Amino acid sequence: MLYRFFSIVFLSLSIIIFQSCDKLEGIEDFTGKIISDHTAAKFSLLNSSKIEAAKAKLHIAYGHTSHGSQITTGMSGLVNFKGSQFAYNNGGSNGALDLRDTPFSGASDLGNPNRTAWETATRNYLANHTEINVIMWSWCGQVSGASEQDINTYLTLMSNLEKDFPKVKFVYMTGHLDGSGLTGNLHLRNEQIRNFCNTNNKILFDFADIESYDPDGNYYLDKAANDECNYDSDGNGSRDKNWATIWQNSHTQDVDWYNCGAAHSQPINANMKAYAAWNLFCAIAEKM
């Protein structure tokens, strides 16, 4: 009886230990959620070995218009700033990241020419490019005027693509700031996207959140900040300062930040978007 008792105890403990170890070892696999926001918009977080893994694993197609180009122009400037390890091109030749910039036919961004054309363009592209394993689209200004149903349509189309192409990672995105602050429709719709991604373990590039903070973590969304990084410093209802130019002027170019194209905005904004994009790609590659 004593032998049987200890045998049962040992078996029970073994099951508990095995289950606990399985949870610890597989903790990264319990969720596919990746949120790349202002906390990921830091060069210090980039890791050379993870960057090489991302370049080895990822084949990315990215659709965007001018605002979305802040990511790719920031990434191009990063090559000049920090070296060829950060190179990207269509096809990934010469050791670069395979990032295909605006390769789609029939749509320019998530709202152009309409709110659903990008989905058809994505399906058509994936049908002819089976090597692609990451799809990313950005908004222009359409989220500012979007209804709750408009965003639900976007989220539903993205979810359907994920079901139909299970080997492809789809990157959700928020819309750029428009100066309407915490009470504006833009913020409400961006929160709708964020809540969906958090609840359903999606991959999100939080474009608006990156624009809401400077590199030191100072917050500007509640100060009516817009996509140009202008904000209302004294609460009088008028944007009178620009957090990006203030930060750039107080830091050393080519040491703390680099000059690059930044449509509608300032270089440091595109710098941060480039860092966040690379950290996003590294995180996606780690889950593959």
Protein backbone atom coordinates (compact mmCIF):
# COMPACT_ATOMS: atom_id res chain seq x y z
CA MET A 1 0.00 0.00 0.00
CA LEU A 2 2.83 2.37 0.91
CA TYR A 3 4.55 1.62 -2.40
CA ARG A 4 1.33 2.30 -4.28
CA PHE A 5 0.83 5.59 -2.40
CA PHE A 6 4.30 6.89 -3.28
CA SER A 7 3.88 5.71 -6.87
CA ILE A 8 0.69 7.76 -7.22
CA VAL A 9 2.32 10.80 -5.60
CA PHE A 10 5.36 10.52 -7.92
CA LEU A 11 3.16 10.17 -10.98
CA SER A 12 1.06 13.20 -9.99
CA LEU A 13 4.14 15.33 -9.35
CA SER A 14 5.62 14.24 -12.67
CA ILE A 15 2.50 15.35 -14.53
CA ILE A 16 2.49 18.71 -12.76
CA ILE A 17 6.20 19.28 -13.43
CA PHE A 18 5.85 18.24 -17.05
CA GLN A 19 2.90 20.57 -17.60
CA SER A 20 4.69 23.46 -15.89
CA CYS A 21 7.83 22.96 -17.95
CA ASP A 22 5.77 22.75 -21.12
CA LYS A 23 4.15 26.10 -20.34
CA LEU A 24 7.47 27.76 -19.57
CA GLU A 25 9.19 26.46 -22.67
CA GLY A 26 6.29 27.32 -24.92
CA ILE A 27 5.38 30.68 -23.45
CA GLU A 28 6.24 32.52 -26.68
CA ASP A 29 3.89 30.25 -28.58
CA PHE A 30 0.83 30.95 -26.44
CA THR A 31 0.19 34.21 -28.23
CA GLY A 32 0.96 35.54 -31.66
CA LYS A 33 0.49 39.11 -30.47
CA ILE A 34 3.19 41.61 -31.40
CA ILE A 35 2.67 45.31 -30.70
CA SER A 36 5.26 47.66 -32.17
CA ASP A 37 4.62 51.10 -30.68
CA HIS A 38 6.76 53.93 -29.27
CA THR A 39 8.39 51.53 -26.81
CA ALA A 40 9.82 49.61 -29.79
CA ALA A 41 10.94 52.78 -31.59
CA LYS A 42 14.47 52.67 -30.17
CA PHE A 43 17.71 51.79 -31.92
CA SER A 44 19.11 50.42 -28.65
CA LEU A 45 16.66 47.51 -28.82
CA LEU A 46 17.97 46.26 -32.16
CA ASN A 47 20.01 43.06 -32.06
CA SER A 48 22.39 42.07 -34.87
CA SER A 49 21.68 38.34 -34.73
CA LYS A 50 17.92 38.94 -34.72
CA ILE A 51 18.28 41.28 -37.68
CA GLU A 52 20.14 38.59 -39.62
CA ALA A 53 17.44 36.06 -38.72
CA ALA A 54 14.75 38.44 -39.98
CA LYS A 55 16.61 38.90 -43.26
CA ALA A 56 16.97 35.15 -43.64
CA LYS A 57 13.32 34.35 -42.92
CA LEU A 58 11.11 37.22 -44.06
CA HIS A 59 9.70 38.14 -47.45
CA ILE A 60 7.63 41.27 -46.96
CA ALA A 61 5.20 43.12 -49.22
CA TYR A 62 4.28 46.61 -48.02
CA GLY A 63 1.56 48.82 -49.53
CA HIS A 64 1.46 52.51 -48.70
CA THR A 65 1.21 56.08 -49.94
CA SER A 66 3.00 59.16 -48.60
CA HIS A 67 2.46 58.81 -44.85
CA GLY A 68 3.37 55.14 -44.93
CA SER A 69 6.57 56.01 -46.77
CA GLN A 70 7.94 57.39 -43.48
CA ILE A 71 8.76 53.79 -42.58
CA THR A 72 10.69 52.99 -45.75
CA THR A 73 12.45 56.35 -46.09
CA GLY A 74 13.43 56.03 -42.45
CA MET A 75 14.77 52.56 -43.17
CA SER A 76 16.73 53.85 -46.18
CA GLY A 77 18.25 56.61 -44.07
CA LEU A 78 19.17 54.07 -41.41
CA VAL A 79 21.46 52.34 -43.93
CA ASN A 80 23.46 55.55 -44.33
CA PHE A 81 23.41 56.14 -40.58
CA LYS A 82 24.34 52.68 -39.29
CA GLY A 83 25.46 50.57 -42.24
CA SER A 84 24.52 47.97 -44.80
CA GLN A 85 23.18 45.48 -42.26
CA PHE A 86 19.96 47.50 -42.46
CA ALA A 87 19.68 47.39 -46.26
CA TYR A 88 16.46 46.25 -47.90
CA ASN A 89 15.37 45.77 -51.50
CA ASN A 90 12.88 43.97 -53.69
CA GLY A 91 13.99 40.35 -53.56
CA GLY A 92 16.55 40.57 -50.75
CA SER A 93 19.62 40.50 -52.96
CA ASN A 94 23.15 40.96 -51.59
CA GLY A 95 22.16 40.04 -48.06
CA ALA A 96 19.42 42.68 -47.74
CA LEU A 97 15.98 42.31 -46.24
CA ASP A 98 13.41 41.28 -48.85
CA LEU A 99 10.95 44.15 -48.53
CA ARG A 100 8.90 44.89 -51.62
CA ASP A 101 7.88 48.50 -51.53
CA THR A 102 4.38 49.21 -52.96
CA PRO A 103 4.29 46.11 -55.19
CA PHE A 104 0.50 45.76 -55.37
CA SER A 105 -1.73 46.43 -58.35
CA GLY A 106 -5.18 47.95 -57.92
CA ALA A 107 -4.71 49.65 -54.54
CA SER A 108 -2.35 52.22 -53.04
CA ASP A 109 -3.13 52.05 -49.32
CA LEU A 110 -5.85 50.86 -46.94
CA GLY A 111 -8.29 53.49 -48.18
CA ASN A 112 -7.27 54.16 -51.77
CA PRO A 113 -9.07 53.86 -54.15
CA ASN A 114 -11.60 52.56 -51.60
CA ARG A 115 -11.71 50.76 -48.26
CA THR A 116 -11.68 47.22 -49.72
CA ALA A 117 -9.49 47.37 -52.85
CA TRP A 118 -6.35 46.53 -50.84
CA GLU A 119 -7.84 43.17 -49.86
CA THR A 120 -8.34 42.10 -53.48
CA ALA A 121 -4.90 43.42 -54.37
CA THR A 122 -3.40 41.38 -51.53
CA ARG A 123 -5.10 38.18 -52.63
CA ASN A 124 -3.98 38.67 -56.21
CA TYR A 125 -0.40 39.36 -55.17
CA LEU A 126 -0.18 36.37 -52.85
CA ALA A 127 -1.58 34.10 -55.56
CA ASN A 128 1.40 35.00 -57.75
CA HIS A 129 4.07 35.38 -55.05
CA THR A 130 3.83 32.36 -52.77
CA GLU A 131 7.20 33.18 -51.18
CA ILE A 132 5.72 36.23 -49.39
CA ASN A 133 5.19 35.57 -45.69
CA VAL A 134 4.53 39.09 -44.33
CA ILE A 135 1.91 41.54 -45.59
CA MET A 136 1.78 45.12 -44.31
CA TRP A 137 -0.46 47.99 -45.41
CA SER A 138 -0.67 51.54 -44.05
CA TRP A 139 -3.38 54.17 -44.01
CA CYS A 140 -3.15 57.68 -45.35
CA GLY A 141 -5.68 59.98 -43.65
CA GLN A 142 -8.72 57.73 -43.96
CA VAL A 143 -8.97 56.70 -40.31
CA SER A 144 -9.79 60.29 -39.34
CA GLY A 145 -13.13 60.10 -41.14
CA ALA A 146 -13.79 56.39 -40.70
CA SER A 147 -16.86 55.09 -38.92
CA GLU A 148 -16.85 52.22 -36.46
CA GLN A 149 -18.29 50.03 -39.21
CA ASP A 150 -15.53 51.10 -41.63
CA ILE A 151 -12.92 49.88 -39.17
CA ASN A 152 -14.89 46.70 -38.54
CA THR A 153 -14.77 46.07 -42.28
CA TYR A 154 -10.98 46.49 -42.23
CA LEU A 155 -10.60 44.16 -39.26
CA THR A 156 -12.88 41.54 -40.80
CA LEU A 157 -11.04 41.58 -44.12
CA MET A 158 -7.71 41.22 -42.35
CA SER A 159 -9.03 38.32 -40.26
CA ASN A 160 -10.34 36.58 -43.38
CA LEU A 161 -6.97 36.93 -45.08
CA GLU A 162 -5.30 35.40 -42.03
CA LYS A 163 -7.64 32.41 -42.23
CA ASP A 164 -7.12 31.94 -45.96
CA PHE A 165 -3.34 32.41 -45.84
CA PRO A 166 -2.29 30.84 -42.53
CA LYS A 167 1.42 30.86 -43.40
CA VAL A 168 1.44 34.63 -43.93
CA LYS A 169 1.77 37.17 -41.09
CA PHE A 170 -0.51 40.17 -41.56
CA VAL A 171 0.48 43.45 -39.91
CA TYR A 172 -2.37 45.69 -38.73
CA MET A 173 -1.80 49.44 -38.51
CA THR A 174 -3.29 52.54 -36.90
CA GLY A 175 -3.82 55.83 -38.72
CA HIS A 176 -1.52 58.84 -38.38
CA LEU A 177 -2.23 61.70 -35.98
CA ASP A 178 -4.44 64.55 -37.17
CA GLY A 179 -4.44 66.96 -34.21
CA SER A 180 -7.85 65.91 -32.85
CA GLY A 181 -6.37 64.58 -29.62
CA LEU A 182 -7.86 62.14 -27.16
CA THR A 183 -11.50 63.00 -27.93
CA GLY A 184 -11.28 62.93 -31.72
CA ASN A 185 -12.67 60.26 -34.00
CA LEU A 186 -9.15 59.28 -35.07
CA HIS A 187 -8.21 58.25 -31.55
CA LEU A 188 -11.48 56.36 -31.08
CA ARG A 189 -10.93 54.40 -34.29
CA ASN A 190 -7.27 53.76 -33.48
CA GLU A 191 -8.35 52.47 -30.09
CA GLN A 192 -10.80 50.18 -31.89
CA ILE A 193 -7.91 48.72 -33.91
CA ARG A 194 -5.69 48.42 -30.82
CA ASN A 195 -8.37 46.71 -28.75
CA PHE A 196 -9.05 44.21 -31.51
CA CYS A 197 -5.35 43.42 -31.89
CA ASN A 198 -4.83 43.05 -28.14
CA THR A 199 -7.90 40.89 -27.66
CA ASN A 200 -7.24 38.64 -30.65
CA ASN A 201 -3.43 38.39 -30.46
CA LYS A 202 -2.68 40.18 -33.72
CA ILE A 203 0.43 41.91 -35.05
CA LEU A 204 0.16 45.70 -34.87
CA PHE A 205 2.40 48.51 -36.06
CA ASP A 206 1.03 51.38 -33.99
CA PHE A 207 1.81 54.29 -36.31
CA ALA A 208 -0.11 56.83 -34.23
CA ASP A 209 1.39 55.80 -30.92
CA ILE A 210 4.92 56.31 -32.27
CA GLU A 211 3.95 59.87 -33.30
CA SER A 212 2.53 60.53 -29.84
CA TYR A 213 5.90 60.41 -28.04
CA ASP A 214 9.35 61.89 -28.50
CA PRO A 215 12.41 59.61 -28.08
CA ASP A 216 12.62 60.52 -24.39
CA GLY A 217 9.07 59.29 -23.76
CA ASN A 218 7.37 62.68 -23.44
CA TYR A 219 3.70 62.43 -24.45
CA TYR A 220 1.95 64.75 -26.93
CA LEU A 221 -1.33 63.18 -28.02
CA ASP A 222 -3.15 65.03 -25.23
CA LYS A 223 -1.64 68.25 -26.59
CA ALA A 224 -3.36 68.04 -29.98
CA ALA A 225 -0.25 66.66 -31.73
CA ASN A 226 -0.52 66.05 -35.45
CA ASP A 227 1.42 64.12 -38.07
CA GLU A 228 3.92 66.97 -38.51
CA CYS A 229 4.73 66.69 -34.78
CA ASN A 230 3.23 70.10 -34.06
CA TYR A 231 1.48 70.41 -30.71
CA ASP A 232 -0.26 72.86 -28.38
CA SER A 233 2.31 73.60 -25.67
CA ASP A 234 0.23 75.97 -23.53
CA GLY A 235 -3.30 74.60 -23.85
CA ASN A 236 -4.71 77.64 -25.63
CA GLY A 237 -6.12 75.60 -28.52
CA SER A 238 -3.38 76.48 -31.01
CA ARG A 239 -0.42 74.31 -32.00
CA ASP A 240 2.61 76.50 -31.41
CA LYS A 241 5.58 74.11 -31.09
CA ASN A 242 7.03 71.06 -32.81
CA TRP A 243 8.36 68.32 -30.54
CA ALA A 244 10.47 66.76 -33.30
CA THR A 245 12.40 69.89 -34.25
CA ILE A 246 12.86 70.77 -30.58
CA TRP A 247 14.31 67.31 -29.93
CA GLN A 248 16.50 67.39 -33.03
CA ASN A 249 17.87 70.84 -32.18
CA SER A 250 18.84 69.68 -28.70
CA HIS A 251 20.61 66.55 -29.99
CA THR A 252 23.47 65.88 -32.38
CA GLN A 253 22.70 64.98 -35.98
CA ASP A 254 24.48 61.82 -37.21
CA VAL A 255 25.02 60.81 -33.60
CA ASP A 256 21.59 60.87 -31.93
CA TRP A 257 19.50 61.06 -35.08
CA TYR A 258 19.89 61.10 -38.86
CA ASN A 259 18.42 63.18 -41.64
CA CYS A 260 16.08 61.33 -43.99
CA GLY A 261 12.88 61.75 -45.92
CA ALA A 262 9.77 62.03 -43.76
CA ALA A 263 6.67 62.89 -45.80
CA HIS A 264 4.44 65.39 -43.95
CA SER A 265 6.72 65.21 -40.91
CA GLN A 266 10.25 65.48 -39.45
CA PRO A 267 13.28 63.16 -39.70
CA ILE A 268 13.22 61.91 -36.10
CA ASN A 269 9.67 60.66 -36.64
CA ALA A 270 10.87 58.54 -39.57
CA ASN A 271 13.92 57.46 -37.54
CA MET A 272 11.62 56.11 -34.86
CA LYS A 273 9.36 54.42 -37.40
CA ALA A 274 12.41 52.68 -38.91
CA TYR A 275 13.54 51.39 -35.52
CA ALA A 276 10.02 50.19 -34.71
CA ALA A 277 9.74 48.47 -38.10
CA TRP A 278 13.00 46.58 -37.68
CA ASN A 279 12.03 45.55 -34.15
CA LEU A 280 8.67 44.40 -35.52
CA PHE A 281 10.32 42.32 -38.26
CA CYS A 282 12.71 40.74 -35.76
CA ALA A 283 9.81 39.82 -33.48
CA ILE A 284 7.87 38.28 -36.38
CA ALA A 285 10.91 36.25 -37.43
CA GLU A 286 11.31 34.93 -33.89
CA LYS A 287 7.81 33.45 -34.05
CA MET A 288 8.43 31.64 -37.35
